[in-house]
Protein backbone atom coordinates (compact mmCIF):
# COMPACT_ATOMS: atom_id res chain seq x y z
CA MET A 1 -36.78 -61.89 20.52
CA ASN A 2 -35.62 -65.38 19.39
CA THR A 3 -35.55 -66.53 15.73
CA ASP A 4 -38.46 -68.95 16.13
CA THR A 5 -40.72 -66.25 17.49
CA GLN A 6 -39.69 -63.85 14.64
CA ALA A 7 -40.44 -66.60 12.07
CA THR A 8 -44.13 -66.69 13.11
CA SER A 9 -44.50 -63.07 14.09
CA ALA A 10 -44.46 -61.38 10.75
CA ILE A 11 -46.28 -61.72 7.42
CA GLY A 12 -45.68 -59.90 4.17
CA LEU A 13 -48.89 -59.50 2.07
CA ASP A 14 -48.99 -58.53 -1.56
CA VAL A 15 -52.70 -57.46 -1.99
CA GLY A 16 -52.82 -57.32 -5.74
CA THR A 17 -55.56 -56.84 -8.25
CA SER A 18 -55.02 -60.21 -9.74
CA ARG A 19 -53.44 -62.34 -6.89
CA ILE A 20 -52.94 -62.05 -3.15
CA VAL A 21 -49.47 -63.46 -1.93
CA ALA A 22 -48.40 -64.02 1.69
CA ALA A 23 -44.81 -64.45 2.64
CA ARG A 24 -43.45 -65.79 5.93
CA ARG A 25 -39.89 -66.67 7.07
CA GLN A 26 -39.45 -70.42 7.82
CA ASP A 27 -35.94 -70.90 9.36
CA LYS A 28 -33.66 -69.21 6.75
CA ASP A 29 -36.10 -69.57 3.86
CA VAL A 30 -39.08 -67.51 2.88
CA GLN A 31 -42.34 -69.46 2.19
CA PHE A 32 -44.90 -68.18 -0.18
CA GLN A 33 -48.57 -68.94 -0.62
CA THR A 34 -50.77 -67.48 -3.38
CA GLN A 35 -54.49 -67.31 -4.18
CA LEU A 36 -56.29 -65.65 -7.13
CA ASN A 37 -58.06 -62.39 -5.98
CA ALA A 38 -61.19 -63.50 -7.76
CA PHE A 39 -64.62 -65.07 -7.30
CA VAL A 40 -67.55 -66.43 -9.25
CA THR A 41 -71.17 -67.07 -8.28
CA ILE A 42 -73.07 -70.24 -9.07
CA PRO A 43 -76.82 -71.15 -8.25
CA TYR A 44 -77.45 -72.17 -4.71
CA SER A 45 -78.58 -75.64 -3.73
CA LYS A 46 -78.09 -77.66 -0.54
CA LEU A 47 -76.62 -80.44 -2.50
CA THR A 48 -74.03 -78.14 -4.14
CA GLN A 49 -73.18 -76.51 -0.84
CA SER A 50 -72.49 -80.05 0.74
CA VAL A 51 -70.34 -81.17 -2.21
CA LEU A 52 -68.25 -77.97 -1.94
CA LYS A 53 -67.85 -78.52 1.83
CA LYS A 54 -66.86 -82.17 1.14
CA GLU A 55 -64.31 -81.17 -1.46
CA ARG A 56 -63.13 -78.26 0.83
CA ILE A 57 -63.59 -75.71 -1.91
CA PRO A 58 -63.60 -72.19 -0.45
CA HIS A 59 -67.07 -70.77 -0.66
CA MET A 60 -69.85 -68.74 1.03
CA ALA A 61 -73.52 -69.38 0.55
CA GLN A 62 -76.24 -66.82 0.27
CA GLU A 63 -80.04 -67.27 -0.32
CA SER A 64 -79.93 -67.69 -4.08
CA GLU A 65 -76.26 -68.14 -5.01
CA ILE A 66 -72.86 -69.57 -3.77
CA THR A 67 -69.74 -67.59 -4.18
CA VAL A 68 -66.64 -69.59 -4.87
CA TYR A 69 -63.43 -67.57 -4.33
CA GLY A 70 -59.69 -67.87 -4.71
CA ASP A 71 -57.93 -70.30 -7.05
CA GLU A 72 -61.06 -72.51 -7.46
CA SER A 73 -62.95 -69.61 -8.92
CA GLU A 74 -61.22 -69.87 -12.22
CA ARG A 75 -61.95 -73.53 -12.61
CA PHE A 76 -65.68 -72.90 -11.94
CA ALA A 77 -65.71 -69.91 -14.39
CA ASN A 78 -64.28 -72.08 -17.05
CA LEU A 79 -66.85 -74.85 -16.30
CA PHE A 80 -69.75 -72.49 -16.60
CA HIS A 81 -68.27 -70.36 -19.36
CA LYS A 82 -68.29 -67.27 -17.13
CA GLU A 83 -65.80 -64.51 -16.43
CA THR A 84 -64.33 -64.48 -12.89
CA ARG A 85 -65.18 -61.27 -11.01
CA ARG A 86 -62.58 -59.23 -8.94
CA PRO A 87 -62.80 -57.84 -5.51
CA MET A 88 -60.26 -55.23 -6.69
CA LEU A 89 -60.03 -52.98 -9.75
CA ARG A 90 -56.95 -51.10 -10.92
CA GLY A 91 -55.11 -51.69 -7.69
CA VAL A 92 -57.81 -50.79 -5.15
CA LEU A 93 -61.04 -52.23 -3.82
CA ASN A 94 -63.66 -52.59 -6.53
CA PRO A 95 -66.46 -50.03 -5.94
CA GLU A 96 -68.73 -52.09 -8.29
CA GLU A 97 -68.58 -55.06 -5.98
CA ALA A 98 -70.62 -54.69 -2.73
CA ASP A 99 -68.64 -57.15 -0.68
CA SER A 100 -65.20 -56.47 -2.06
CA LEU A 101 -63.54 -55.97 1.38
CA GLY A 102 -65.26 -59.12 2.79
CA LEU A 103 -64.06 -61.26 -0.16
CA VAL A 104 -60.38 -59.91 0.23
CA GLN A 105 -60.71 -60.76 3.89
CA ARG A 106 -61.77 -64.30 3.15
CA ILE A 107 -58.90 -64.78 0.65
CA VAL A 108 -56.35 -63.33 3.28
CA ILE A 109 -57.69 -65.88 5.76
CA LEU A 110 -57.19 -68.72 3.19
CA LEU A 111 -53.46 -67.65 3.11
CA THR A 112 -52.85 -66.79 6.77
CA GLY A 113 -54.87 -69.57 8.40
CA GLU A 114 -58.17 -69.62 10.38
CA GLU A 115 -56.45 -68.65 13.60
CA GLN A 116 -56.70 -64.93 13.99
CA GLY A 117 -53.57 -62.90 14.47
CA GLN A 118 -52.23 -62.41 17.90
CA GLY A 119 -50.67 -59.02 17.48
CA GLN A 120 -48.56 -60.35 14.63
CA LYS A 121 -46.88 -57.75 12.40
CA VAL A 122 -48.33 -57.61 8.86
CA CYS A 123 -47.07 -55.36 6.22
CA PHE A 124 -49.33 -55.10 3.13
CA SER A 125 -48.82 -53.52 -0.28
CA VAL A 126 -50.70 -50.50 -1.45
CA PRO A 127 -50.45 -48.91 -4.87
CA ALA A 128 -48.94 -45.46 -5.40
CA PRO A 129 -51.35 -42.91 -6.70
CA PRO A 130 -51.89 -43.52 -10.49
CA LEU A 131 -50.82 -40.73 -12.86
CA GLY A 132 -53.83 -39.15 -14.68
CA ALA A 133 -56.42 -41.11 -12.78
CA ASP A 134 -58.59 -40.35 -9.81
CA VAL A 135 -58.23 -43.29 -7.52
CA GLU A 136 -58.85 -43.42 -3.70
CA VAL A 137 -55.61 -45.03 -2.61
CA ASN A 138 -55.70 -43.58 1.00
CA ARG A 139 -59.32 -44.97 1.53
CA HIS A 140 -58.21 -48.34 0.19
CA GLU A 141 -55.21 -48.54 2.57
CA SER A 142 -57.37 -47.45 5.53
CA GLU A 143 -59.96 -50.09 4.79
CA LEU A 144 -57.36 -52.96 4.45
CA LYS A 145 -55.60 -51.79 7.67
CA SER A 146 -58.85 -51.78 9.61
CA MET A 147 -59.80 -55.27 8.24
CA LEU A 148 -56.52 -56.73 9.17
CA GLY A 149 -56.72 -55.04 12.61
CA LYS A 150 -60.06 -56.81 13.17
CA LEU A 151 -58.33 -60.01 12.40
CA GLY A 152 -55.94 -59.46 15.18
CA TYR A 153 -52.90 -58.20 13.28
CA GLU A 154 -50.74 -55.09 13.73
CA ALA A 155 -50.90 -53.95 10.13
CA ARG A 156 -49.30 -51.08 8.09
CA GLY A 157 -49.14 -50.45 4.44
CA ILE A 158 -46.03 -50.21 2.20
CA SER A 159 -45.97 -48.76 -1.37
CA GLU A 160 -45.75 -51.70 -3.83
CA GLY A 161 -42.72 -50.25 -5.71
CA LEU A 162 -40.78 -49.76 -2.44
CA ALA A 163 -41.69 -53.26 -1.42
CA VAL A 164 -40.05 -54.50 -4.71
CA ILE A 165 -36.89 -52.63 -3.70
CA TYR A 166 -36.91 -54.12 -0.19
CA GLY A 167 -37.39 -57.62 -1.72
CA GLU A 168 -34.81 -57.35 -4.53
CA LEU A 169 -32.12 -54.61 -3.94
CA GLU A 170 -30.43 -55.54 -0.61
CA ASN A 171 -27.13 -55.74 -2.41
CA SER A 172 -27.20 -52.09 -3.39
CA ASN A 173 -28.37 -51.06 0.11
CA TYR A 174 -31.94 -50.57 -1.19
CA THR A 175 -30.90 -47.88 -3.69
CA GLY A 176 -32.39 -48.17 -7.05
CA ILE A 177 -35.66 -48.39 -9.02
CA GLY A 178 -38.30 -51.10 -8.30
CA ILE A 179 -41.05 -51.65 -10.81
CA SER A 180 -43.99 -54.05 -10.32
CA CYS A 181 -45.99 -54.78 -13.50
CA GLY A 182 -49.12 -56.21 -12.02
CA GLY A 183 -52.74 -56.93 -13.20
CA GLY A 184 -54.33 -53.50 -12.46
CA LEU A 185 -51.39 -51.13 -12.39
CA CYS A 186 -47.60 -50.80 -12.89
CA ASN A 187 -46.08 -49.40 -9.73
CA VAL A 188 -42.70 -47.64 -9.81
CA CYS A 189 -40.50 -46.42 -6.94
CA LEU A 190 -37.01 -44.80 -6.80
CA ALA A 191 -35.40 -45.18 -3.38
CA TYR A 192 -32.02 -43.97 -1.95
CA LEU A 193 -30.71 -46.10 0.91
CA SER A 194 -34.18 -47.44 1.42
CA VAL A 195 -35.84 -43.96 1.59
CA PRO A 196 -38.34 -43.39 -1.24
CA VAL A 197 -37.60 -40.45 -3.53
CA PHE A 198 -40.77 -40.83 -5.62
CA SER A 199 -43.49 -43.46 -6.13
CA PHE A 200 -46.19 -43.51 -8.77
CA SER A 201 -48.24 -45.93 -10.85
CA ILE A 202 -49.87 -45.96 -14.21
CA PRO A 203 -53.28 -47.49 -15.00
CA LYS A 204 -51.89 -49.88 -17.59
CA GLY A 205 -51.09 -53.45 -16.49
CA GLY A 206 -52.10 -57.01 -17.30
CA ASP A 207 -55.83 -56.25 -17.25
CA PHE A 208 -55.41 -53.31 -19.70
CA ILE A 209 -53.52 -55.58 -22.15
CA ASP A 210 -56.14 -58.54 -21.70
CA SER A 211 -59.24 -56.31 -22.15
CA SER A 212 -57.78 -54.33 -24.97
CA VAL A 213 -56.86 -57.51 -26.94
CA ALA A 214 -60.24 -59.04 -25.96
CA ASN A 215 -62.14 -56.04 -27.41
CA LEU A 216 -59.91 -56.06 -30.61
CA ARG A 217 -60.40 -59.79 -31.24
CA GLY A 218 -63.83 -60.41 -29.95
CA GLU A 219 -62.72 -62.92 -27.35
CA PRO A 220 -63.34 -63.15 -23.55
CA ALA A 221 -60.59 -61.55 -21.48
CA THR A 222 -60.09 -64.75 -19.50
CA ARG A 223 -59.12 -66.61 -22.71
CA ILE A 224 -56.70 -63.85 -23.64
CA ARG A 225 -55.12 -64.02 -20.25
CA THR A 226 -54.73 -67.75 -20.57
CA ILE A 227 -53.15 -67.47 -23.95
CA LYS A 228 -50.85 -64.72 -22.66
CA GLU A 229 -49.72 -66.72 -19.72
CA GLU A 230 -49.25 -69.99 -21.42
CA SER A 231 -47.66 -69.17 -24.79
CA PHE A 232 -46.87 -65.40 -25.41
CA HIS A 233 -43.34 -64.30 -25.82
CA PHE A 234 -41.62 -61.22 -27.46
CA ASN A 235 -39.02 -63.06 -29.45
CA GLY A 236 -39.51 -64.15 -33.07
CA HIS A 237 -42.31 -63.66 -35.61
CA PHE A 238 -45.93 -63.43 -34.49
CA ALA A 239 -47.90 -65.68 -36.83
CA ASN A 240 -50.92 -65.67 -34.41
CA LYS A 241 -53.10 -62.55 -34.53
CA ILE A 242 -53.83 -62.67 -30.81
CA HIS A 243 -49.94 -62.78 -30.17
CA GLN A 244 -49.56 -59.83 -32.58
CA ALA A 245 -52.24 -57.88 -30.58
CA LEU A 246 -50.73 -58.78 -27.26
CA ALA A 247 -47.30 -57.53 -28.51
CA SER A 248 -48.87 -54.28 -29.63
CA TYR A 249 -50.53 -53.52 -26.27
CA TYR A 250 -47.42 -54.64 -24.30
CA GLU A 251 -45.43 -52.17 -26.34
CA ASP A 252 -48.04 -49.49 -25.37
CA MET A 253 -47.65 -50.30 -21.62
CA ILE A 254 -43.76 -50.23 -21.85
CA GLN A 255 -43.74 -47.00 -23.70
CA ALA A 256 -46.08 -45.36 -21.20
CA LEU A 257 -44.08 -46.70 -18.27
CA VAL A 258 -40.73 -45.37 -19.54
CA ALA A 259 -42.25 -42.01 -20.47
CA SER A 260 -43.81 -41.66 -17.03
CA LEU A 261 -40.48 -42.53 -15.38
CA LYS A 262 -38.75 -39.83 -17.38
CA ASP A 263 -41.38 -37.29 -16.42
CA GLN A 264 -41.16 -38.21 -12.69
CA PHE A 265 -37.35 -37.66 -12.74
CA ALA A 266 -37.95 -34.27 -14.38
CA SER A 267 -40.42 -33.19 -11.68
CA VAL A 268 -38.40 -34.16 -8.61
CA GLN A 269 -37.28 -30.92 -6.73
CA ASN A 270 -34.58 -32.35 -4.34
CA MET A 271 -33.03 -35.19 -6.23
CA PRO A 272 -30.29 -36.94 -4.18
CA LYS A 273 -26.83 -36.79 -5.70
CA LEU A 274 -26.28 -40.40 -6.88
CA ASN A 275 -22.50 -41.05 -7.30
CA ARG A 276 -22.87 -44.27 -9.04
CA PRO A 277 -25.11 -45.92 -11.50
CA ILE A 278 -28.23 -47.64 -9.92
CA PRO A 279 -29.94 -50.89 -10.72
CA LEU A 280 -33.52 -51.33 -11.98
CA VAL A 281 -35.51 -54.44 -11.10
CA LEU A 282 -38.71 -55.65 -12.88
CA SER A 283 -41.19 -57.72 -11.10
CA GLY A 284 -44.90 -58.72 -11.22
CA GLY A 285 -46.82 -61.24 -13.40
CA SER A 286 -46.90 -58.88 -16.42
CA ALA A 287 -43.10 -58.91 -16.55
CA ILE A 288 -42.85 -62.65 -16.98
CA PRO A 289 -43.26 -63.26 -20.69
CA PRO A 290 -39.90 -64.18 -22.32
CA GLY A 291 -38.25 -61.17 -23.88
CA PHE A 292 -40.12 -58.60 -21.73
CA ARG A 293 -36.99 -57.52 -19.92
CA ASP A 294 -35.04 -57.14 -23.21
CA ARG A 295 -37.82 -55.02 -24.74
CA PHE A 296 -38.13 -52.85 -21.64
CA GLU A 297 -34.46 -52.21 -21.48
CA LYS A 298 -34.25 -51.38 -25.13
CA THR A 299 -36.99 -48.65 -24.74
CA LEU A 300 -35.27 -47.51 -21.50
CA ARG A 301 -31.82 -47.13 -23.12
CA GLU A 302 -33.39 -45.05 -25.96
CA THR A 303 -34.66 -42.54 -23.28
CA GLU A 304 -32.51 -39.96 -21.63
CA LEU A 305 -32.72 -40.05 -17.82
CA PRO A 306 -30.74 -37.86 -15.34
CA VAL A 307 -29.23 -41.02 -13.61
CA ALA A 308 -27.20 -43.86 -15.10
CA ILE A 309 -28.77 -47.30 -14.85
CA SER A 310 -26.25 -50.02 -13.99
CA GLU A 311 -28.46 -53.02 -14.94
CA VAL A 312 -32.01 -53.86 -15.75
CA ARG A 313 -32.85 -57.33 -14.44
CA LEU A 314 -35.95 -59.47 -13.83
CA ALA A 315 -36.67 -60.35 -10.27
CA THR A 316 -35.58 -63.88 -9.22
CA SER A 317 -39.21 -64.82 -8.56
CA PRO A 318 -41.38 -61.88 -10.10
CA MET A 319 -44.66 -63.08 -8.67
CA HIS A 320 -43.27 -63.04 -5.08
CA SER A 321 -41.11 -59.79 -4.94
CA THR A 322 -43.67 -57.59 -3.48
CA ALA A 323 -44.69 -60.06 -0.71
CA ARG A 324 -40.99 -60.65 0.06
CA GLY A 325 -40.28 -56.92 0.39
CA ALA A 326 -43.47 -56.47 2.55
CA LEU A 327 -42.07 -59.27 4.80
CA VAL A 328 -38.60 -57.52 5.11
CA ALA A 329 -40.41 -54.40 6.25
CA ALA A 330 -42.54 -56.35 8.72
CA LEU A 331 -39.56 -58.11 10.08
CA SER A 332 -37.50 -54.93 10.52
CA GLU A 333 -40.08 -53.78 13.07
CA LEU A 334 -39.70 -56.81 15.42
């Protein structure tokens, strides 16, 4: 198969709780497109619908309301002082939203184009089973695979942590630990020469931090998320009480993540003999605040693990790591 055909025949999809990211190879580069995995409803009127069409704002109209989805949903939520709603919750389709799969499909079409797939390979991210939580990961994966199949794609799932390893650890022959700190979950995978040894997730991510701080401070979670993304950092003194609370719940997440990692190592029956230290890479939107990597590494170095860690680094583009790795997996099948 020639390179031009390969370039258009595979897509990597990061189907995250907060955002959906599509990755495609264009010549020697990888191109990314992102949309918020969110929606908001506004009252229906013919005039409103015609204006949205004119402005090319992604929406669907029902009898009494219009649903605006993707990136534009946040702008409308802020205009009408509403919270955006999510088709996904804690890494899987949201059972409280009747049309969760349909909305994910519409956002995927925004990213992949109106033309349906012609047997293109699509590799999409799925979360690892969360520790201490009863979440239907298999059903979620099956429904996404069926939806993508109906759009004309040849689809398969890949564990999110493993996708991070595929996207970031080529130089160590895909040996190491990949961690994706997302909105709904933090996903972790240890792989040896691209083969997963263990994968798991914890139900603490960006949404956990936002909602915990929102409850503590009596603020909307959307506002907390905006403050977190625009101005929060770990370094220095926290004069702002919201920043203090963000730091506290981030610390909770990091402690839970490292403790779970230690427990997983302890529970592995047939651990491969690693003859050299292995790298650990951090990715996902919740790993972006300045100082996060340092705080995580400090906690990790204070914890005894059965393997030596050569480096703890932040992914080159933390928001794109999972989609990049899913694309690597899809291209490997061409």
